[in-house]
Amino acid sequence: MSALVRLAIPLLTALVLAASLAVVWSKHEARNLFIELQGLNEQRDRLDIEWGQLKLEQSAWATHGRVEQVAREDLKMVIPKAAEVRIVEP
């Protein structure tokens, strides 16, 4: 065997070993990133559900009946009688 072949075989073996380690590392990183992605998707879904619940709650608190109830009970507001209404012209 020539010196070139004796040098090439260990070199190629080292390169194949390095490439296989790179594949294993790459696959490991891909799995870790996928797990992180799944966690983030679950968090997004939980936040979407919470957002929907908050929007429903906000719409319940903002209904005309609720606003009128708070105005009457908490703020002691009443609808003025016709004689109490004044029209101001510009």
C-alpha atoms as a PDB file:
ATOM      1  CA  MET A   1       0.000   0.000   0.000  1.00  0.00           C
ATOM      2  CA  SER A   2       1.192   3.405  -0.745  1.00  0.00           C
ATOM      3  CA  ALA A   3       1.674   6.086   1.849  1.00  0.00           C
ATOM      4  CA  LEU A   4      -1.263   8.009   0.454  1.00  0.00           C
ATOM      5  CA  VAL A   5      -3.655   5.083   1.007  1.00  0.00           C
ATOM      6  CA  ARG A   6      -2.296   4.505   4.528  1.00  0.00           C
ATOM      7  CA  LEU A   7      -2.972   8.150   5.328  1.00  0.00           C
ATOM      8  CA  ALA A   8      -6.358   8.313   3.544  1.00  0.00           C
ATOM      9  CA  ILE A   9      -7.985   5.375   5.378  1.00  0.00           C
ATOM     10  CA  PRO A  10      -7.609   6.789   8.924  1.00  0.00           C
ATOM     11  CA  LEU A  11      -8.518  10.253   7.660  1.00  0.00           C
ATOM     12  CA  LEU A  12     -11.681   8.999   5.960  1.00  0.00           C
ATOM     13  CA  THR A  13     -12.541   6.940   9.045  1.00  0.00           C
ATOM     14  CA  ALA A  14     -12.223  10.064  11.199  1.00  0.00           C
ATOM     15  CA  LEU A  15     -14.362  12.067   8.782  1.00  0.00           C
ATOM     16  CA  VAL A  16     -17.079   9.383   8.748  1.00  0.00           C
ATOM     17  CA  LEU A  17     -17.014   9.278  12.555  1.00  0.00           C
ATOM     18  CA  ALA A  18     -17.242  13.076  12.764  1.00  0.00           C
ATOM     19  CA  ALA A  19     -20.127  13.139  10.274  1.00  0.00           C
ATOM     20  CA  SER A  20     -22.011  10.464  12.222  1.00  0.00           C
ATOM     21  CA  LEU A  21     -21.524  12.404  15.472  1.00  0.00           C
ATOM     22  CA  ALA A  22     -22.770  15.532  13.730  1.00  0.00           C
ATOM     23  CA  VAL A  23     -25.897  13.672  12.584  1.00  0.00           C
ATOM     24  CA  VAL A  24     -26.565  12.421  16.115  1.00  0.00           C
ATOM     25  CA  TRP A  25     -26.056  15.889  17.590  1.00  0.00           C
ATOM     26  CA  SER A  26     -28.269  17.455  14.915  1.00  0.00           C
ATOM     27  CA  LYS A  27     -31.050  14.938  15.571  1.00  0.00           C
ATOM     28  CA  HIS A  28     -30.784  15.564  19.315  1.00  0.00           C
ATOM     29  CA  GLU A  29     -31.057  19.329  18.811  1.00  0.00           C
ATOM     30  CA  ALA A  30     -34.025  18.881  16.469  1.00  0.00           C
ATOM     31  CA  ARG A  31     -35.821  16.803  19.116  1.00  0.00           C
ATOM     32  CA  ASN A  32     -35.099  19.394  21.811  1.00  0.00           C
ATOM     33  CA  LEU A  33     -36.396  22.188  19.596  1.00  0.00           C
ATOM     34  CA  PHE A  34     -39.509  20.162  18.747  1.00  0.00           C
ATOM     35  CA  ILE A  35     -40.198  19.604  22.451  1.00  0.00           C
ATOM     36  CA  GLU A  36     -39.810  23.340  23.057  1.00  0.00           C
ATOM     37  CA  LEU A  37     -42.141  24.060  20.125  1.00  0.00           C
ATOM     38  CA  GLN A  38     -44.777  21.716  21.559  1.00  0.00           C
ATOM     39  CA  GLY A  39     -44.540  23.478  24.925  1.00  0.00           C
ATOM     40  CA  LEU A  40     -44.921  26.875  23.281  1.00  0.00           C
ATOM     41  CA  ASN A  41     -47.907  25.652  21.268  1.00  0.00           C
ATOM     42  CA  GLU A  42     -49.570  24.427  24.460  1.00  0.00           C
ATOM     43  CA  GLN A  43     -48.893  27.774  26.126  1.00  0.00           C
ATOM     44  CA  ARG A  44     -50.352  29.592  23.108  1.00  0.00           C
ATOM     45  CA  ASP A  45     -53.464  27.419  23.246  1.00  0.00           C
ATOM     46  CA  ARG A  46     -53.905  28.090  26.981  1.00  0.00           C
ATOM     47  CA  LEU A  47     -53.498  31.825  26.400  1.00  0.00           C
ATOM     48  CA  ASP A  48     -56.009  31.731  23.525  1.00  0.00           C
ATOM     49  CA  ILE A  49     -58.543  30.031  25.792  1.00  0.00           C
ATOM     50  CA  GLU A  50     -57.914  32.562  28.553  1.00  0.00           C
ATOM     51  CA  TRP A  51     -58.243  35.424  26.054  1.00  0.00           C
ATOM     52  CA  GLY A  52     -61.592  34.064  24.894  1.00  0.00           C
ATOM     53  CA  GLN A  53     -62.810  33.764  28.460  1.00  0.00           C
ATOM     54  CA  LEU A  54     -61.707  37.318  29.216  1.00  0.00           C
ATOM     55  CA  LYS A  55     -63.512  38.622  26.140  1.00  0.00           C
ATOM     56  CA  LEU A  56     -66.685  36.837  27.252  1.00  0.00           C
ATOM     57  CA  GLU A  57     -66.328  38.283  30.736  1.00  0.00           C
ATOM     58  CA  GLN A  58     -65.767  41.755  29.335  1.00  0.00           C
ATOM     59  CA  SER A  59     -68.851  41.511  27.153  1.00  0.00           C
ATOM     60  CA  ALA A  60     -70.886  40.334  30.148  1.00  0.00           C
ATOM     61  CA  TRP A  61     -69.707  43.287  32.254  1.00  0.00           C
ATOM     62  CA  ALA A  62     -70.348  45.745  29.423  1.00  0.00           C
ATOM     63  CA  THR A  63     -73.952  44.798  28.668  1.00  0.00           C
ATOM     64  CA  HIS A  64     -76.476  47.619  28.762  1.00  0.00           C
ATOM     65  CA  GLY A  65     -78.311  46.064  31.679  1.00  0.00           C
ATOM     66  CA  ARG A  66     -75.140  45.719  33.760  1.00  0.00           C
ATOM     67  CA  VAL A  67     -74.051  49.308  33.063  1.00  0.00           C
ATOM     68  CA  GLU A  68     -77.501  50.580  34.002  1.00  0.00           C
ATOM     69  CA  GLN A  69     -77.520  48.492  37.199  1.00  0.00           C
ATOM     70  CA  VAL A  70     -74.141  49.870  38.286  1.00  0.00           C
ATOM     71  CA  ALA A  71     -75.258  53.418  37.454  1.00  0.00           C
ATOM     72  CA  ARG A  72     -78.369  53.063  39.594  1.00  0.00           C
ATOM     73  CA  GLU A  73     -76.979  51.082  42.537  1.00  0.00           C
ATOM     74  CA  ASP A  74     -73.383  52.233  42.873  1.00  0.00           C
ATOM     75  CA  LEU A  75     -73.520  55.732  41.410  1.00  0.00           C
ATOM     76  CA  LYS A  76     -77.104  56.504  42.537  1.00  0.00           C
ATOM     77  CA  MET A  77     -77.986  57.803  39.079  1.00  0.00           C
ATOM     78  CA  VAL A  78     -81.590  58.136  37.942  1.00  0.00           C
ATOM     79  CA  ILE A  79     -83.282  58.921  34.660  1.00  0.00           C
ATOM     80  CA  PRO A  80     -84.350  62.591  34.783  1.00  0.00           C
ATOM     81  CA  LYS A  81     -88.019  63.519  34.487  1.00  0.00           C
ATOM     82  CA  ALA A  82     -89.097  65.396  31.390  1.00  0.00           C
ATOM     83  CA  ALA A  83     -89.421  68.633  33.396  1.00  0.00           C
ATOM     84  CA  GLU A  84     -85.808  68.313  34.570  1.00  0.00           C
ATOM     85  CA  VAL A  85     -84.369  68.055  31.047  1.00  0.00           C
ATOM     86  CA  ARG A  86     -82.895  71.271  29.629  1.00  0.00           C
ATOM     87  CA  ILE A  87     -81.983  71.593  25.957  1.00  0.00           C
ATOM     88  CA  VAL A  88     -79.001  73.827  25.334  1.00  0.00           C
ATOM     89  CA  GLU A  89     -78.655  75.329  21.897  1.00  0.00           C
ATOM     90  CA  PRO A  90     -75.244  76.257  20.546  1.00  0.00           C
END
